[in-house]
Amino acid sequence: MSTENNYSIEILLAAMNDMTEIVSSFIMLGSKKCALRIKDKMNNAVMQASQFPYSGVTVPEPSLRNYRMMIVEDYLMFYRIFDNENKIVFYRVLNGKLNYSQLLNRLRSENNI
């Protein structure tokens, strides 16, 4: 499904904190170049989602089938599309090696989403 108009983007505080921690971890390891690269890639993924909301893959976990994710290197950027509001909400940005389904299910139950 494509769109003529860009969707508005909302990045929840948890996702913003995740992105900040990821970039900061590269800086603390002494790699400003890698920090800038991952930051740019995450920003590009957000812009891609705003223009092509269905370009992210559907989360395979059955309880999370309303979520999609953009893959940026080792990280997964989780979001939902709200077509009726022409909006995308980013919920978390997690390392793909983590048990993301458990973390997202907890977030969903805590926030009734």
C-alpha atoms as a PDB file:
ATOM      1  CA  MET A   1       0.000   0.000   0.000  1.00  0.00           C
ATOM      2  CA  SER A   2       1.436   3.381  -0.962  1.00  0.00           C
ATOM      3  CA  THR A   3       0.470   6.845   0.097  1.00  0.00           C
ATOM      4  CA  GLU A   4       0.320  10.185  -1.666  1.00  0.00           C
ATOM      5  CA  ASN A   5       0.962  12.180   1.499  1.00  0.00           C
ATOM      6  CA  ASN A   6       3.626  11.714   4.092  1.00  0.00           C
ATOM      7  CA  TYR A   7       2.418  10.355   7.392  1.00  0.00           C
ATOM      8  CA  SER A   8       3.130  12.374  10.510  1.00  0.00           C
ATOM      9  CA  ILE A   9       5.644  10.799  12.860  1.00  0.00           C
ATOM     10  CA  GLU A  10       5.450  10.490  16.623  1.00  0.00           C
ATOM     11  CA  ILE A  11       8.437   9.059  18.454  1.00  0.00           C
ATOM     12  CA  LEU A  12       7.555   8.034  21.994  1.00  0.00           C
ATOM     13  CA  LEU A  13       9.942   8.917  24.808  1.00  0.00           C
ATOM     14  CA  ALA A  14      10.998   5.257  25.196  1.00  0.00           C
ATOM     15  CA  ALA A  15      12.040   5.088  21.525  1.00  0.00           C
ATOM     16  CA  MET A  16      13.816   8.440  21.728  1.00  0.00           C
ATOM     17  CA  ASN A  17      15.705   7.248  24.819  1.00  0.00           C
ATOM     18  CA  ASP A  18      16.605   3.998  23.041  1.00  0.00           C
ATOM     19  CA  MET A  19      18.064   5.901  20.072  1.00  0.00           C
ATOM     20  CA  THR A  20      19.989   8.264  22.348  1.00  0.00           C
ATOM     21  CA  GLU A  21      21.472   5.340  24.304  1.00  0.00           C
ATOM     22  CA  ILE A  22      22.493   3.532  21.115  1.00  0.00           C
ATOM     23  CA  VAL A  23      24.258   6.587  19.686  1.00  0.00           C
ATOM     24  CA  SER A  24      25.837   7.371  23.075  1.00  0.00           C
ATOM     25  CA  SER A  25      27.188   3.838  23.382  1.00  0.00           C
ATOM     26  CA  PHE A  26      29.125   4.260  20.126  1.00  0.00           C
ATOM     27  CA  ILE A  27      30.499   7.598  21.346  1.00  0.00           C
ATOM     28  CA  MET A  28      31.556   6.075  24.685  1.00  0.00           C
ATOM     29  CA  LEU A  29      33.369   3.335  22.767  1.00  0.00           C
ATOM     30  CA  GLY A  30      35.303   6.055  20.956  1.00  0.00           C
ATOM     31  CA  SER A  31      33.613   5.774  17.602  1.00  0.00           C
ATOM     32  CA  LYS A  32      31.993   9.092  16.704  1.00  0.00           C
ATOM     33  CA  LYS A  33      31.982   8.028  13.065  1.00  0.00           C
ATOM     34  CA  CYS A  34      29.884   4.938  13.881  1.00  0.00           C
ATOM     35  CA  ALA A  35      27.622   7.025  16.124  1.00  0.00           C
ATOM     36  CA  LEU A  36      26.911   9.436  13.261  1.00  0.00           C
ATOM     37  CA  ARG A  37      26.380   6.561  10.838  1.00  0.00           C
ATOM     38  CA  ILE A  38      23.793   4.781  13.020  1.00  0.00           C
ATOM     39  CA  LYS A  39      22.055   8.071  13.857  1.00  0.00           C
ATOM     40  CA  ASP A  40      21.765   8.922  10.153  1.00  0.00           C
ATOM     41  CA  LYS A  41      20.480   5.448   9.331  1.00  0.00           C
ATOM     42  CA  MET A  42      17.823   5.641  12.055  1.00  0.00           C
ATOM     43  CA  ASN A  43      16.729   9.085  10.878  1.00  0.00           C
ATOM     44  CA  ASN A  44      16.546   7.791   7.299  1.00  0.00           C
ATOM     45  CA  ALA A  45      14.415   4.853   8.450  1.00  0.00           C
ATOM     46  CA  VAL A  46      11.978   7.247  10.144  1.00  0.00           C
ATOM     47  CA  MET A  47      11.772   9.354   6.975  1.00  0.00           C
ATOM     48  CA  GLN A  48      11.243   6.229   4.874  1.00  0.00           C
ATOM     49  CA  ALA A  49       8.406   5.151   7.151  1.00  0.00           C
ATOM     50  CA  SER A  50       6.771   8.569   6.820  1.00  0.00           C
ATOM     51  CA  GLN A  51       6.775   8.258   3.027  1.00  0.00           C
ATOM     52  CA  PHE A  52       6.245   4.504   2.746  1.00  0.00           C
ATOM     53  CA  PRO A  53       4.630   3.323   6.006  1.00  0.00           C
ATOM     54  CA  TYR A  54       4.285  -0.291   4.896  1.00  0.00           C
ATOM     55  CA  SER A  55       7.954  -0.647   3.889  1.00  0.00           C
ATOM     56  CA  GLY A  56       8.838  -2.047   7.313  1.00  0.00           C
ATOM     57  CA  VAL A  57       8.318  -5.749   7.920  1.00  0.00           C
ATOM     58  CA  THR A  58       5.472  -7.102  10.018  1.00  0.00           C
ATOM     59  CA  VAL A  59       6.574  -8.293  13.459  1.00  0.00           C
ATOM     60  CA  PRO A  60       6.316 -12.115  13.337  1.00  0.00           C
ATOM     61  CA  GLU A  61       5.137 -12.500  16.964  1.00  0.00           C
ATOM     62  CA  PRO A  62       1.359 -13.214  16.768  1.00  0.00           C
ATOM     63  CA  SER A  63       0.520 -11.008  19.755  1.00  0.00           C
ATOM     64  CA  LEU A  64       2.324  -8.107  18.061  1.00  0.00           C
ATOM     65  CA  ARG A  65       0.947  -8.401  14.541  1.00  0.00           C
ATOM     66  CA  ASN A  66      -0.229  -4.763  14.539  1.00  0.00           C
ATOM     67  CA  TYR A  67       3.405  -3.659  14.779  1.00  0.00           C
ATOM     68  CA  ARG A  68       5.948  -3.269  12.022  1.00  0.00           C
ATOM     69  CA  MET A  69       9.692  -2.809  12.269  1.00  0.00           C
ATOM     70  CA  MET A  70      12.434  -1.130  10.340  1.00  0.00           C
ATOM     71  CA  ILE A  71      15.761  -2.940  10.513  1.00  0.00           C
ATOM     72  CA  VAL A  72      18.793  -0.694  10.971  1.00  0.00           C
ATOM     73  CA  GLU A  73      21.975  -2.734  11.281  1.00  0.00           C
ATOM     74  CA  ASP A  74      21.602  -4.698  14.549  1.00  0.00           C
ATOM     75  CA  TYR A  75      18.616  -2.654  15.748  1.00  0.00           C
ATOM     76  CA  LEU A  76      14.882  -3.009  15.271  1.00  0.00           C
ATOM     77  CA  MET A  77      12.716   0.124  15.193  1.00  0.00           C
ATOM     78  CA  PHE A  78       9.166  -0.835  16.183  1.00  0.00           C
ATOM     79  CA  TYR A  79       6.205   1.208  15.022  1.00  0.00           C
ATOM     80  CA  ARG A  80       2.484   1.142  14.307  1.00  0.00           C
ATOM     81  CA  ILE A  81       0.561   2.737  11.474  1.00  0.00           C
ATOM     82  CA  PHE A  82      -2.629   4.644  12.175  1.00  0.00           C
ATOM     83  CA  ASP A  83      -4.135   5.123   8.713  1.00  0.00           C
ATOM     84  CA  ASN A  84      -7.223   6.904  10.041  1.00  0.00           C
ATOM     85  CA  GLU A  85      -4.964   9.617  11.516  1.00  0.00           C
ATOM     86  CA  ASN A  86      -2.323   9.504   8.767  1.00  0.00           C
ATOM     87  CA  LYS A  87       0.219   8.907  11.554  1.00  0.00           C
ATOM     88  CA  ILE A  88       3.027   6.547  12.510  1.00  0.00           C
ATOM     89  CA  VAL A  89       4.092   6.005  16.118  1.00  0.00           C
ATOM     90  CA  PHE A  90       7.528   4.625  16.951  1.00  0.00           C
ATOM     91  CA  TYR A  91       7.483   2.721  20.262  1.00  0.00           C
ATOM     92  CA  ARG A  92      10.942   1.243  20.830  1.00  0.00           C
ATOM     93  CA  VAL A  93      14.341   0.796  19.183  1.00  0.00           C
ATOM     94  CA  LEU A  94      15.903  -2.419  20.434  1.00  0.00           C
ATOM     95  CA  ASN A  95      18.906  -4.573  19.749  1.00  0.00           C
ATOM     96  CA  GLY A  96      17.753  -7.439  17.537  1.00  0.00           C
ATOM     97  CA  LYS A  97      19.516  -9.911  19.837  1.00  0.00           C
ATOM     98  CA  LEU A  98      17.179  -9.101  22.739  1.00  0.00           C
ATOM     99  CA  ASN A  99      13.885 -10.838  23.462  1.00  0.00           C
ATOM    100  CA  TYR A 100      11.977  -7.981  21.853  1.00  0.00           C
ATOM    101  CA  SER A 101       8.581  -9.701  21.980  1.00  0.00           C
ATOM    102  CA  GLN A 102       8.686  -9.824  25.783  1.00  0.00           C
ATOM    103  CA  LEU A 103       9.708  -6.159  26.017  1.00  0.00           C
ATOM    104  CA  LEU A 104       7.034  -5.003  23.562  1.00  0.00           C
ATOM    105  CA  ASN A 105       4.321  -7.101  25.169  1.00  0.00           C
ATOM    106  CA  ARG A 106       5.162  -5.507  28.507  1.00  0.00           C
ATOM    107  CA  LEU A 107       5.037  -2.040  26.945  1.00  0.00           C
ATOM    108  CA  ARG A 108       1.724  -2.845  25.296  1.00  0.00           C
ATOM    109  CA  SER A 109       0.145  -4.109  28.511  1.00  0.00           C
ATOM    110  CA  GLU A 110       1.425  -1.161  30.567  1.00  0.00           C
ATOM    111  CA  ASN A 111       0.059   1.389  28.083  1.00  0.00           C
ATOM    112  CA  ASN A 112      -3.050  -0.447  26.842  1.00  0.00           C
ATOM    113  CA  ILE A 113      -1.909  -0.248  23.218  1.00  0.00           C
END
